Amino acid sequence: MTLHLTHEQLCDLILADSSLPPEGEPWNDRKADSDVVQAHLQACLICSAELRILRDSLSHFRNASVSYARQEFAQSYAQRSSIAPPHSYLSQPLYWTAAAVVFVAALFPLSLHRQRPISPMTATATSASPQTTESDEALLADIDQKVSADVPSPMEPLADPTAGAALATTNSDQRNN
């Protein structure tokens, strides 16, 4: 046996699951191929060493990725447990200034609501009631006049723009050369 296992055969050994045969390949053929590969691994030290190195590399990668994931999760959980900003943020004056501006902006509408001045409209309305009754009567009279008109003013005919041109035409017809 001078031939070594291919990369695909080594990957198949690592990924092999004895409960599921590959698609399109009967169980007996797979068992026969597996026996041949196992016999080759026992006889060939190079292939068995390469398989061992490949398995060790995958195992180390799995351990490193799980460890990294746990470490990142622990850090993110520790950061989420407190809603307060880190101490370095609290010592910066820019953040305090921004907080004061937000506070003042929130109080501004409330201060406008409390300082409602007496409107001049209400003062005039109470003192000018005789004038408003006269004004109301004038408006009602104007409305009655417009309603009682035969043709509303927007529908009245316009002045004839050709009337001046007709006179000019008659004058030009009378002219003799």
C-alpha atoms as a PDB file:
ATOM      1  CA  MET A   1       0.000   0.000   0.000  1.00  0.00           C
ATOM      2  CA  THR A   2       1.863   3.018  -1.247  1.00  0.00           C
ATOM      3  CA  LEU A   3      -1.155   5.275  -1.856  1.00  0.00           C
ATOM      4  CA  HIS A   4      -2.210   7.628   0.909  1.00  0.00           C
ATOM      5  CA  LEU A   5      -5.694   8.804   1.787  1.00  0.00           C
ATOM      6  CA  THR A   6      -6.980  11.869  -0.033  1.00  0.00           C
ATOM      7  CA  HIS A   7      -8.169  15.016   1.671  1.00  0.00           C
ATOM      8  CA  GLU A   8     -11.804  14.086   0.920  1.00  0.00           C
ATOM      9  CA  GLN A   9     -11.355  10.660   2.535  1.00  0.00           C
ATOM     10  CA  LEU A  10      -9.842  12.229   5.664  1.00  0.00           C
ATOM     11  CA  CYS A  11     -12.720  14.724   5.852  1.00  0.00           C
ATOM     12  CA  ASP A  12     -15.217  11.885   5.422  1.00  0.00           C
ATOM     13  CA  LEU A  13     -13.608  10.081   8.350  1.00  0.00           C
ATOM     14  CA  ILE A  14     -13.942  13.140  10.571  1.00  0.00           C
ATOM     15  CA  LEU A  15     -17.484  13.941   9.512  1.00  0.00           C
ATOM     16  CA  ALA A  16     -18.672  10.334   9.315  1.00  0.00           C
ATOM     17  CA  ASP A  17     -21.833   9.458  11.158  1.00  0.00           C
ATOM     18  CA  SER A  18     -22.346   5.736  11.375  1.00  0.00           C
ATOM     19  CA  SER A  19     -26.120   6.061  11.606  1.00  0.00           C
ATOM     20  CA  LEU A  20     -26.659   7.728   8.201  1.00  0.00           C
ATOM     21  CA  PRO A  21     -25.323   6.354   4.902  1.00  0.00           C
ATOM     22  CA  PRO A  22     -24.369   8.890   2.209  1.00  0.00           C
ATOM     23  CA  GLU A  23     -27.030   9.655  -0.374  1.00  0.00           C
ATOM     24  CA  GLY A  24     -27.203   7.173  -3.227  1.00  0.00           C
ATOM     25  CA  GLU A  25     -24.704   4.772  -1.648  1.00  0.00           C
ATOM     26  CA  PRO A  26     -25.914   1.501  -0.091  1.00  0.00           C
ATOM     27  CA  TRP A  27     -24.985   0.642   3.509  1.00  0.00           C
ATOM     28  CA  ASN A  28     -22.903  -2.406   2.509  1.00  0.00           C
ATOM     29  CA  ASP A  29     -20.675  -0.398   0.112  1.00  0.00           C
ATOM     30  CA  ARG A  30     -20.048   2.211   2.802  1.00  0.00           C
ATOM     31  CA  LYS A  31     -19.126  -0.463   5.332  1.00  0.00           C
ATOM     32  CA  ALA A  32     -16.674  -2.024   2.854  1.00  0.00           C
ATOM     33  CA  ASP A  33     -15.068   1.377   2.101  1.00  0.00           C
ATOM     34  CA  SER A  34     -14.814   2.120   5.817  1.00  0.00           C
ATOM     35  CA  ASP A  35     -13.071  -1.207   6.453  1.00  0.00           C
ATOM     36  CA  VAL A  36     -10.521  -0.490   3.709  1.00  0.00           C
ATOM     37  CA  VAL A  37      -9.841   3.023   5.059  1.00  0.00           C
ATOM     38  CA  GLN A  38      -9.502   1.720   8.639  1.00  0.00           C
ATOM     39  CA  ALA A  39      -7.065  -0.973   7.489  1.00  0.00           C
ATOM     40  CA  HIS A  40      -5.038   1.669   5.635  1.00  0.00           C
ATOM     41  CA  LEU A  41      -4.941   3.926   8.703  1.00  0.00           C
ATOM     42  CA  GLN A  42      -3.582   1.056  10.820  1.00  0.00           C
ATOM     43  CA  ALA A  43      -0.906   0.277   8.261  1.00  0.00           C
ATOM     44  CA  CYS A  44       0.088   3.844   7.218  1.00  0.00           C
ATOM     45  CA  LEU A  45       1.653   5.996   9.916  1.00  0.00           C
ATOM     46  CA  ILE A  46       1.610   9.133   7.706  1.00  0.00           C
ATOM     47  CA  CYS A  47      -2.152   9.021   7.097  1.00  0.00           C
ATOM     48  CA  SER A  48      -2.961   8.214  10.733  1.00  0.00           C
ATOM     49  CA  ALA A  49      -0.705  11.091  11.901  1.00  0.00           C
ATOM     50  CA  GLU A  50      -2.398  13.483   9.454  1.00  0.00           C
ATOM     51  CA  LEU A  51      -5.851  12.374  10.650  1.00  0.00           C
ATOM     52  CA  ARG A  52      -4.789  12.856  14.287  1.00  0.00           C
ATOM     53  CA  ILE A  53      -3.405  16.353  13.545  1.00  0.00           C
ATOM     54  CA  LEU A  54      -6.599  17.294  11.705  1.00  0.00           C
ATOM     55  CA  ARG A  55      -8.786  16.076  14.582  1.00  0.00           C
ATOM     56  CA  ASP A  56      -6.598  17.887  17.145  1.00  0.00           C
ATOM     57  CA  SER A  57      -6.756  21.119  15.135  1.00  0.00           C
ATOM     58  CA  LEU A  58     -10.535  20.949  14.951  1.00  0.00           C
ATOM     59  CA  SER A  59     -10.775  20.180  18.646  1.00  0.00           C
ATOM     60  CA  HIS A  60      -8.525  23.149  19.531  1.00  0.00           C
ATOM     61  CA  PHE A  61     -10.554  25.421  17.251  1.00  0.00           C
ATOM     62  CA  ARG A  62     -13.806  24.278  18.866  1.00  0.00           C
ATOM     63  CA  ASN A  63     -12.424  24.866  22.360  1.00  0.00           C
ATOM     64  CA  ALA A  64     -11.062  28.310  21.435  1.00  0.00           C
ATOM     65  CA  SER A  65     -14.319  29.437  19.794  1.00  0.00           C
ATOM     66  CA  VAL A  66     -16.430  28.243  22.752  1.00  0.00           C
ATOM     67  CA  SER A  67     -14.082  29.972  25.198  1.00  0.00           C
ATOM     68  CA  TYR A  68     -14.148  33.210  23.196  1.00  0.00           C
ATOM     69  CA  ALA A  69     -17.947  33.127  22.961  1.00  0.00           C
ATOM     70  CA  ARG A  70     -18.286  32.647  26.720  1.00  0.00           C
ATOM     71  CA  GLN A  71     -15.867  35.490  27.418  1.00  0.00           C
ATOM     72  CA  GLU A  72     -17.701  37.894  25.071  1.00  0.00           C
ATOM     73  CA  PHE A  73     -21.063  36.916  26.532  1.00  0.00           C
ATOM     74  CA  ALA A  74     -19.807  37.540  30.067  1.00  0.00           C
ATOM     75  CA  GLN A  75     -18.481  40.984  29.070  1.00  0.00           C
ATOM     76  CA  SER A  76     -21.667  41.984  27.284  1.00  0.00           C
ATOM     77  CA  TYR A  77     -23.786  40.809  30.219  1.00  0.00           C
ATOM     78  CA  ALA A  78     -21.648  42.791  32.660  1.00  0.00           C
ATOM     79  CA  GLN A  79     -22.037  45.924  30.535  1.00  0.00           C
ATOM     80  CA  ARG A  80     -25.813  45.498  30.292  1.00  0.00           C
ATOM     81  CA  SER A  81     -26.316  45.027  34.018  1.00  0.00           C
ATOM     82  CA  SER A  82     -25.736  48.722  34.733  1.00  0.00           C
ATOM     83  CA  ILE A  83     -27.544  51.487  32.855  1.00  0.00           C
ATOM     84  CA  ALA A  84     -25.303  54.195  34.293  1.00  0.00           C
ATOM     85  CA  PRO A  85     -22.499  55.388  32.042  1.00  0.00           C
ATOM     86  CA  PRO A  86     -18.926  54.590  33.020  1.00  0.00           C
ATOM     87  CA  HIS A  87     -17.225  56.887  35.524  1.00  0.00           C
ATOM     88  CA  SER A  88     -15.140  58.584  32.817  1.00  0.00           C
ATOM     89  CA  TYR A  89     -18.323  59.920  31.185  1.00  0.00           C
ATOM     90  CA  LEU A  90     -19.567  61.471  34.412  1.00  0.00           C
ATOM     91  CA  SER A  91     -16.407  63.525  34.828  1.00  0.00           C
ATOM     92  CA  GLN A  92     -16.685  65.229  31.428  1.00  0.00           C
ATOM     93  CA  PRO A  93     -18.367  68.671  31.453  1.00  0.00           C
ATOM     94  CA  LEU A  94     -19.865  68.210  28.003  1.00  0.00           C
ATOM     95  CA  TYR A  95     -22.232  65.537  29.301  1.00  0.00           C
ATOM     96  CA  TRP A  96     -23.282  67.709  32.236  1.00  0.00           C
ATOM     97  CA  THR A  97     -23.927  70.625  29.883  1.00  0.00           C
ATOM     98  CA  ALA A  98     -26.005  68.454  27.596  1.00  0.00           C
ATOM     99  CA  ALA A  99     -28.023  67.189  30.562  1.00  0.00           C
ATOM    100  CA  ALA A 100     -28.687  70.768  31.723  1.00  0.00           C
ATOM    101  CA  VAL A 101     -29.811  71.823  28.230  1.00  0.00           C
ATOM    102  CA  VAL A 102     -32.226  68.901  28.038  1.00  0.00           C
ATOM    103  CA  PHE A 103     -33.599  69.779  31.480  1.00  0.00           C
ATOM    104  CA  VAL A 104     -34.134  73.449  30.575  1.00  0.00           C
ATOM    105  CA  ALA A 105     -35.723  72.488  27.259  1.00  0.00           C
ATOM    106  CA  ALA A 106     -38.142  70.219  29.107  1.00  0.00           C
ATOM    107  CA  LEU A 107     -39.128  73.017  31.519  1.00  0.00           C
ATOM    108  CA  PHE A 108     -39.540  75.682  28.819  1.00  0.00           C
ATOM    109  CA  PRO A 109     -43.046  74.632  27.656  1.00  0.00           C
ATOM    110  CA  LEU A 110     -44.194  74.409  31.259  1.00  0.00           C
ATOM    111  CA  SER A 111     -43.076  77.967  31.986  1.00  0.00           C
ATOM    112  CA  LEU A 112     -44.917  79.252  28.904  1.00  0.00           C
ATOM    113  CA  HIS A 113     -48.069  77.507  30.024  1.00  0.00           C
ATOM    114  CA  ARG A 114     -48.048  79.208  33.434  1.00  0.00           C
ATOM    115  CA  GLN A 115     -47.445  82.766  32.140  1.00  0.00           C
ATOM    116  CA  ARG A 116     -50.626  83.148  30.110  1.00  0.00           C
ATOM    117  CA  PRO A 117     -51.293  86.931  29.766  1.00  0.00           C
ATOM    118  CA  ILE A 118     -54.760  88.424  29.672  1.00  0.00           C
ATOM    119  CA  SER A 119     -55.581  88.683  26.022  1.00  0.00           C
ATOM    120  CA  PRO A 120     -56.661  92.094  24.695  1.00  0.00           C
ATOM    121  CA  MET A 121     -59.469  90.393  22.743  1.00  0.00           C
ATOM    122  CA  THR A 122     -61.362  89.461  25.906  1.00  0.00           C
ATOM    123  CA  ALA A 123     -61.028  92.975  27.338  1.00  0.00           C
ATOM    124  CA  THR A 124     -62.342  94.576  24.133  1.00  0.00           C
ATOM    125  CA  ALA A 125     -65.128  92.069  23.768  1.00  0.00           C
ATOM    126  CA  THR A 126     -66.634  93.003  27.092  1.00  0.00           C
ATOM    127  CA  SER A 127     -66.337  96.778  26.586  1.00  0.00           C
ATOM    128  CA  ALA A 128     -67.287  96.952  22.881  1.00  0.00           C
ATOM    129  CA  SER A 129     -70.560  95.020  22.857  1.00  0.00           C
ATOM    130  CA  PRO A 130     -72.640  97.998  21.514  1.00  0.00           C
ATOM    131  CA  GLN A 131     -70.234  98.354  18.575  1.00  0.00           C
ATOM    132  CA  THR A 132     -70.448  94.678  17.727  1.00  0.00           C
ATOM    133  CA  THR A 133     -74.236  94.759  17.577  1.00  0.00           C
ATOM    134  CA  GLU A 134     -74.078  97.662  15.101  1.00  0.00           C
ATOM    135  CA  SER A 135     -71.439  95.821  13.101  1.00  0.00           C
ATOM    136  CA  ASP A 136     -73.530  92.661  13.090  1.00  0.00           C
ATOM    137  CA  GLU A 137     -76.556  94.583  11.836  1.00  0.00           C
ATOM    138  CA  ALA A 138     -74.492  96.093   9.007  1.00  0.00           C
ATOM    139  CA  LEU A 139     -73.243  92.644   7.980  1.00  0.00           C
ATOM    140  CA  LEU A 140     -76.761  91.213   7.996  1.00  0.00           C
ATOM    141  CA  ALA A 141     -78.019  94.105   5.880  1.00  0.00           C
ATOM    142  CA  ASP A 142     -75.200  93.553   3.359  1.00  0.00           C
ATOM    143  CA  ILE A 143     -75.986  89.836   3.161  1.00  0.00           C
ATOM    144  CA  ASP A 144     -79.700  90.557   2.646  1.00  0.00           C
ATOM    145  CA  GLN A 145     -78.880  92.967  -0.166  1.00  0.00           C
ATOM    146  CA  LYS A 146     -76.666  90.414  -1.949  1.00  0.00           C
ATOM    147  CA  VAL A 147     -79.204  87.622  -1.551  1.00  0.00           C
ATOM    148  CA  SER A 148     -82.111  89.706  -2.811  1.00  0.00           C
ATOM    149  CA  ALA A 149     -80.242  90.823  -5.945  1.00  0.00           C
ATOM    150  CA  ASP A 150     -81.497  89.225  -9.174  1.00  0.00           C
ATOM    151  CA  VAL A 151     -78.059  88.277 -10.495  1.00  0.00           C
ATOM    152  CA  PRO A 152     -75.158  87.828  -8.097  1.00  0.00           C
ATOM    153  CA  SER A 153     -72.258  90.184  -8.760  1.00  0.00           C
ATOM    154  CA  PRO A 154     -69.815  87.443  -9.842  1.00  0.00           C
ATOM    155  CA  MET A 155     -72.316  86.350 -12.502  1.00  0.00           C
ATOM    156  CA  GLU A 156     -73.051  89.795 -13.927  1.00  0.00           C
ATOM    157  CA  PRO A 157     -72.009  90.189 -17.577  1.00  0.00           C
ATOM    158  CA  LEU A 158     -68.729  91.857 -18.273  1.00  0.00           C
ATOM    159  CA  ALA A 159     -68.444  95.038 -20.263  1.00  0.00           C
ATOM    160  CA  ASP A 160     -68.268  94.359 -24.026  1.00  0.00           C
ATOM    161  CA  PRO A 161     -64.593  94.614 -25.020  1.00  0.00           C
ATOM    162  CA  THR A 162     -65.496  94.808 -28.720  1.00  0.00           C
ATOM    163  CA  ALA A 163     -67.758  97.838 -28.346  1.00  0.00           C
ATOM    164  CA  GLY A 164     -64.843 100.265 -28.780  1.00  0.00           C
ATOM    165  CA  ALA A 165     -63.516  98.259 -31.718  1.00  0.00           C
ATOM    166  CA  ALA A 166     -66.917  98.341 -33.472  1.00  0.00           C
ATOM    167  CA  LEU A 167     -66.940 102.140 -33.361  1.00  0.00           C
ATOM    168  CA  ALA A 168     -63.428 102.268 -34.756  1.00  0.00           C
ATOM    169  CA  THR A 169     -64.428  99.897 -37.564  1.00  0.00           C
ATOM    170  CA  THR A 170     -67.384 102.013 -38.559  1.00  0.00           C
ATOM    171  CA  ASN A 171     -65.205 105.109 -38.678  1.00  0.00           C
ATOM    172  CA  SER A 172     -62.638 103.344 -40.852  1.00  0.00           C
ATOM    173  CA  ASP A 173     -65.366 102.180 -43.247  1.00  0.00           C
ATOM    174  CA  GLN A 174     -66.492 105.773 -43.811  1.00  0.00           C
ATOM    175  CA  ARG A 175     -63.058 106.965 -44.738  1.00  0.00           C
ATOM    176  CA  ASN A 176     -62.535 107.800 -48.421  1.00  0.00           C
ATOM    177  CA  ASN A 177     -59.283 107.928 -50.232  1.00  0.00           C
END
